[in-house]
Amino acid sequence: MKTFKLVIIPFVFLMISGKKDISFNNNQSAATASCYIENTSFQPGEKVGFTVFYTVPGNFLNLSAGAGSFTTTLEKLNGRSVYHIVGEGRTLPSYEWAYKAKDVYETYMDVETMQPLKFVRNVNEGGYKKYENVNFNKSANTAITNEGVYKVPTCVHDVMSAVFYARNIDFNKLRINDRVPINLFLDNEIFQMYVRYVGKETISTKYGKFKTIVFKPLTIKGTIFEGGEKMTVWVTDDNNRMPVRIESPIIVGKVRIDMTSFKGLKSPMSALIKKY
């Protein structure tokens, strides 16, 4: 039942996996990568819940297969103020007989620079376990992991910090098809990533009707995902940039991840047109 592997963990881990050495098309402009971005979208105390749906091939049956959440707190790390952001994903009890998984990903982002200082990955998927602890030395531009010390770019993110960095992108300053590059450190490698701005759209979920910003992140081909720009992400068209839906085809069927709850937002949820 590997169909649900990676599907039930928080959407961030699906969004940011990508290919090395990405080059930009000549007809598309690329925003310049920057180490600094102002945090306008989230604050300590924010908690967001998600449900993962799996669409069975050949019909429109959506199965609730998993759930996830993001929680943000303000803490101290080596004397610096950091956002401690925890992403959790798990299979729902009704599916644990087929495939039981619980994954926890954590990032510690410097409040002033929005750069990660520490990353923790604790994965337990169907008996497969992996623990990873990464410390970023910003003065030396290195990442210290369980397996060694690796050189990294000045501006670099882990899979968690990359998503919260992306939430603060000012999409109103972008043109359709502009790409925003993000350097990512994952599994002791550097990935040159981007998200491509698609436009704006009003969508309806089980939670309500939202005005949204739409973009497509690059994903890598693997055992589940087809790779390329086939994943689509909808975030609220307000200061929160809250992800309300992610959709992606997989090798068998389709995955949809919907926001189901939120509290402690930094700004009013003005993108919500109607709550169902």
Protein backbone atom coordinates (compact mmCIF):
# COMPACT_ATOMS: atom_id res chain seq x y z
CA MET A 1 0.00 0.00 0.00
CA LYS A 2 2.74 2.48 -0.91
CA THR A 3 0.10 4.61 -2.60
CA PHE A 4 -0.32 6.61 0.60
CA LYS A 5 3.38 6.96 1.38
CA LEU A 6 4.32 10.66 1.27
CA VAL A 7 0.67 11.46 0.58
CA ILE A 8 -0.30 11.75 4.21
CA ILE A 9 2.61 13.88 5.36
CA PRO A 10 2.14 17.65 5.33
CA PHE A 11 1.93 19.22 1.90
CA VAL A 12 5.23 21.04 2.31
CA PHE A 13 7.20 17.88 1.72
CA LEU A 14 5.38 17.38 -1.57
CA MET A 15 5.76 20.95 -2.75
CA ILE A 16 9.46 21.43 -2.39
CA SER A 17 11.08 18.22 -3.68
CA GLY A 18 12.76 19.03 -6.99
CA LYS A 19 15.46 18.69 -9.59
CA LYS A 20 19.02 19.99 -9.52
CA ASP A 21 20.43 22.70 -11.76
CA ILE A 22 17.15 24.23 -12.86
CA SER A 23 17.46 26.69 -15.75
CA PHE A 24 14.83 29.29 -16.56
CA ASN A 25 13.10 29.56 -19.94
CA ASN A 26 13.99 32.64 -21.91
CA ASN A 27 10.37 33.77 -22.06
CA GLN A 28 9.97 33.76 -18.29
CA SER A 29 11.54 36.12 -15.78
CA ALA A 30 13.07 34.85 -12.53
CA ALA A 31 12.95 36.83 -9.31
CA THR A 32 16.32 37.18 -7.61
CA ALA A 33 16.84 34.87 -4.65
CA SER A 34 17.27 36.81 -1.44
CA CYS A 35 18.22 35.80 2.08
CA TYR A 36 15.85 38.36 3.53
CA ILE A 37 12.10 38.56 3.28
CA GLU A 38 9.74 40.37 5.61
CA ASN A 39 7.36 38.16 7.54
CA THR A 40 3.90 39.50 6.74
CA SER A 41 1.97 36.21 6.70
CA PHE A 42 2.23 34.32 10.00
CA GLN A 43 2.86 34.70 13.73
CA PRO A 44 3.45 32.58 16.84
CA GLY A 45 0.26 30.83 17.91
CA GLU A 46 -0.86 29.99 14.38
CA LYS A 47 -2.15 26.46 13.89
CA VAL A 48 -3.50 25.09 10.63
CA GLY A 49 -5.12 21.69 10.03
CA PHE A 50 -5.36 19.74 6.76
CA THR A 51 -7.09 16.66 5.44
CA VAL A 52 -5.58 14.49 2.69
CA PHE A 53 -7.93 13.01 0.08
CA TYR A 54 -7.11 10.29 -2.42
CA THR A 55 -9.11 10.02 -5.65
CA VAL A 56 -9.55 6.47 -6.87
CA PRO A 57 -8.58 6.03 -10.55
CA GLY A 58 -11.53 5.86 -12.91
CA ASN A 59 -14.14 7.45 -10.63
CA PHE A 60 -14.81 10.49 -8.49
CA LEU A 61 -14.61 8.78 -5.10
CA ASN A 62 -12.49 10.85 -2.71
CA LEU A 63 -11.16 8.91 0.26
CA SER A 64 -10.08 10.74 3.43
CA ALA A 65 -6.74 8.99 3.91
CA GLY A 66 -4.70 11.23 6.20
CA ALA A 67 -4.43 14.43 8.20
CA GLY A 68 -1.75 16.97 8.98
CA SER A 69 -1.07 20.24 10.76
CA PHE A 70 1.34 23.15 11.09
CA THR A 71 1.99 24.77 14.48
CA THR A 72 4.12 27.88 15.06
CA THR A 73 5.62 29.03 18.36
CA LEU A 74 8.23 31.63 19.35
CA GLU A 75 11.32 30.22 21.08
CA LYS A 76 15.02 30.83 21.71
CA LEU A 77 17.79 28.85 20.00
CA ASN A 78 21.38 29.59 21.02
CA GLY A 79 20.28 33.02 22.18
CA ARG A 80 18.42 33.94 18.99
CA SER A 81 14.66 34.38 18.63
CA VAL A 82 13.27 31.74 16.27
CA TYR A 83 9.97 30.59 14.86
CA HIS A 84 9.69 26.92 15.79
CA ILE A 85 7.41 25.46 13.14
CA VAL A 86 6.25 21.85 13.42
CA GLY A 87 4.62 19.96 10.55
CA GLU A 88 2.94 16.66 11.38
CA GLY A 89 1.27 14.09 9.15
CA ARG A 90 -0.39 10.76 9.86
CA THR A 91 -2.71 8.19 8.37
CA LEU A 92 -6.24 8.22 9.70
CA PRO A 93 -7.08 5.32 12.07
CA SER A 94 -9.41 3.74 9.50
CA TYR A 95 -6.44 3.28 7.11
CA GLU A 96 -3.78 2.18 9.58
CA TRP A 97 -4.56 -1.45 8.80
CA ALA A 98 -3.27 -0.83 5.27
CA TYR A 99 -0.44 1.61 5.90
CA LYS A 100 0.44 3.28 9.19
CA ALA A 101 2.60 6.38 9.14
CA LYS A 102 3.42 9.32 11.36
CA ASP A 103 5.93 11.94 10.24
CA VAL A 104 7.17 15.03 12.07
CA TYR A 105 9.20 17.80 10.42
CA GLU A 106 10.48 20.82 12.35
CA THR A 107 12.29 24.02 11.41
CA TYR A 108 13.74 26.77 13.57
CA MET A 109 13.68 30.00 11.51
CA ASP A 110 15.59 33.10 12.58
CA VAL A 111 12.98 35.79 13.28
CA GLU A 112 15.14 38.55 11.79
CA THR A 113 16.35 36.85 8.60
CA MET A 114 13.67 34.15 8.03
CA GLN A 115 16.54 31.72 7.38
CA PRO A 116 16.57 28.27 9.03
CA LEU A 117 19.05 27.60 11.83
CA LYS A 118 17.97 24.03 12.57
CA PHE A 119 15.91 21.31 10.90
CA VAL A 120 14.61 18.04 12.37
CA ARG A 121 13.02 15.19 10.42
CA ASN A 122 11.47 12.22 12.23
CA VAL A 123 9.83 9.76 9.83
CA ASN A 124 7.99 6.53 10.63
CA GLU A 125 6.27 5.09 7.56
CA GLY A 126 5.12 1.47 7.47
CA GLY A 127 8.09 0.32 9.52
CA TYR A 128 10.61 2.55 7.73
CA LYS A 129 12.18 4.97 10.18
CA LYS A 130 14.52 7.90 9.63
CA TYR A 131 15.76 10.60 11.99
CA GLU A 132 17.67 13.61 10.70
CA ASN A 133 19.03 16.61 12.61
CA VAL A 134 20.53 19.48 10.60
CA ASN A 135 22.19 22.58 12.06
CA PHE A 136 22.94 25.48 9.72
CA ASN A 137 26.11 27.47 10.41
CA LYS A 138 25.35 30.75 8.67
CA SER A 139 28.78 32.28 9.25
CA ALA A 140 30.53 29.32 7.57
CA ASN A 141 27.73 28.52 5.07
CA THR A 142 27.62 24.89 6.12
CA ALA A 143 24.98 22.36 7.12
CA ILE A 144 25.96 19.91 9.85
CA THR A 145 24.00 16.65 9.65
CA ASN A 146 24.12 13.16 11.15
CA GLU A 147 26.35 12.16 8.24
CA GLY A 148 28.79 15.05 7.89
CA VAL A 149 29.36 18.73 7.13
CA TYR A 150 28.21 20.12 3.78
CA LYS A 151 28.76 23.46 2.05
CA VAL A 152 25.53 25.32 1.32
CA PRO A 153 24.66 28.63 -0.39
CA THR A 154 24.34 31.78 1.68
CA CYS A 155 20.60 31.70 1.09
CA VAL A 156 19.30 28.18 1.73
CA HIS A 157 16.17 26.56 3.16
CA ASP A 158 14.98 23.25 4.50
CA VAL A 159 11.66 21.82 3.32
CA MET A 160 9.72 23.46 6.16
CA SER A 161 11.28 26.92 6.09
CA ALA A 162 10.92 27.02 2.29
CA VAL A 163 7.13 26.86 2.55
CA PHE A 164 6.92 29.62 5.15
CA TYR A 165 9.35 31.70 3.10
CA ALA A 166 7.08 31.19 0.06
CA ARG A 167 4.06 32.36 2.05
CA ASN A 168 5.70 35.78 2.28
CA ILE A 169 6.33 36.24 -1.43
CA ASP A 170 4.56 39.37 -2.73
CA PHE A 171 2.78 37.79 -5.67
CA ASN A 172 1.17 41.14 -6.50
CA LYS A 173 4.56 42.28 -7.79
CA LEU A 174 4.91 39.28 -10.12
CA ARG A 175 3.73 38.79 -13.67
CA ILE A 176 2.02 35.63 -14.85
CA ASN A 177 4.61 32.83 -15.28
CA ASP A 178 7.30 34.60 -13.22
CA ARG A 179 9.39 32.12 -11.27
CA VAL A 180 10.73 32.66 -7.77
CA PRO A 181 13.90 30.60 -7.06
CA ILE A 182 14.54 28.91 -3.71
CA ASN A 183 17.69 26.97 -2.75
CA LEU A 184 16.82 23.84 -0.76
CA PHE A 185 19.00 21.54 1.37
CA LEU A 186 17.55 18.03 1.66
CA ASP A 187 19.16 14.60 2.11
CA ASN A 188 22.63 16.20 2.12
CA GLU A 189 22.09 17.75 -1.31
CA ILE A 190 21.34 21.20 -2.72
CA PHE A 191 18.29 21.56 -4.96
CA GLN A 192 17.68 24.69 -7.01
CA MET A 193 13.92 25.13 -6.79
CA TYR A 194 11.30 27.56 -7.98
CA VAL A 195 7.59 28.30 -7.72
CA ARG A 196 5.83 29.66 -10.82
CA TYR A 197 3.08 32.24 -10.40
CA VAL A 198 -0.05 31.22 -12.33
CA GLY A 199 -2.60 33.89 -11.39
CA LYS A 200 -5.69 34.32 -9.20
CA GLU A 201 -8.84 32.23 -8.88
CA THR A 202 -11.92 31.89 -6.66
CA ILE A 203 -12.40 28.31 -5.43
CA SER A 204 -14.78 26.42 -3.14
CA THR A 205 -13.74 23.83 -0.55
CA LYS A 206 -15.72 22.04 2.12
CA TYR A 207 -14.64 24.81 4.49
CA GLY A 208 -15.81 27.70 2.32
CA LYS A 209 -15.37 29.88 -0.74
CA PHE A 210 -12.00 31.65 -1.07
CA LYS A 211 -10.24 34.21 -3.22
CA THR A 212 -6.88 32.61 -3.95
CA ILE A 213 -3.45 33.05 -5.51
CA VAL A 214 -2.39 30.09 -7.67
CA PHE A 215 1.14 28.84 -8.24
CA LYS A 216 2.92 25.69 -9.37
CA PRO A 217 6.00 24.36 -7.56
CA LEU A 218 8.49 22.09 -9.25
CA THR A 219 8.37 18.45 -8.09
CA ILE A 220 10.71 15.58 -8.82
CA LYS A 221 9.67 12.34 -10.43
CA GLY A 222 9.63 9.48 -7.92
CA THR A 223 7.72 6.42 -6.84
CA ILE A 224 4.51 8.45 -6.45
CA PHE A 225 4.74 11.84 -8.17
CA GLU A 226 5.14 12.27 -11.90
CA GLY A 227 7.52 15.23 -11.66
CA GLY A 228 7.55 18.63 -13.34
CA GLU A 229 4.92 21.31 -12.72
CA LYS A 230 1.83 19.11 -12.40
CA MET A 231 1.15 20.09 -8.79
CA THR A 232 -1.06 23.15 -8.20
CA VAL A 233 -1.26 25.17 -4.96
CA TRP A 234 -3.97 27.67 -3.97
CA VAL A 235 -3.23 30.12 -1.13
CA THR A 236 -5.52 32.81 0.26
CA ASP A 237 -5.38 36.12 -1.57
CA ASP A 238 -4.79 38.11 1.60
CA ASN A 239 -1.86 38.78 3.93
CA ASN A 240 -2.01 35.29 5.44
CA ARG A 241 -1.17 33.44 2.19
CA MET A 242 -2.77 30.42 3.84
CA PRO A 243 -2.68 27.24 1.72
CA VAL A 244 -6.29 26.14 1.25
CA ARG A 245 -5.81 23.46 -1.43
CA ILE A 246 -3.07 21.45 -3.12
CA GLU A 247 -3.74 19.01 -5.95
CA SER A 248 -1.42 16.67 -7.80
CA PRO A 249 -1.73 13.60 -10.00
CA ILE A 250 0.25 10.63 -8.75
CA ILE A 251 1.23 7.40 -10.47
CA VAL A 252 -2.13 5.89 -9.55
CA GLY A 253 -4.97 8.37 -9.01
CA LYS A 254 -4.82 11.90 -7.62
CA VAL A 255 -4.15 13.57 -4.28
CA ARG A 256 -5.95 16.62 -2.89
CA ILE A 257 -4.99 18.32 0.36
CA ASP A 258 -7.50 20.79 1.85
CA MET A 259 -7.23 23.17 4.77
CA THR A 260 -9.87 22.20 7.35
CA SER A 261 -9.15 24.43 10.35
CA PHE A 262 -7.10 27.43 11.44
CA LYS A 263 -6.54 29.66 14.44
CA GLY A 264 -4.13 32.34 15.61
CA LEU A 265 -3.73 34.00 12.21
CA LYS A 266 -1.60 37.12 11.89
CA SER A 267 -4.22 38.94 9.79
CA PRO A 268 -7.99 38.64 9.30
CA MET A 269 -9.01 35.96 6.82
CA SER A 270 -10.32 38.50 4.30
CA ALA A 271 -10.00 36.02 1.41
CA LEU A 272 -12.85 33.93 2.83
CA ILE A 273 -15.94 34.96 0.87
CA LYS A 274 -18.35 32.49 2.46
CA LYS A 275 -17.99 29.81 5.13
CA TYR A 276 -19.95 26.59 4.55
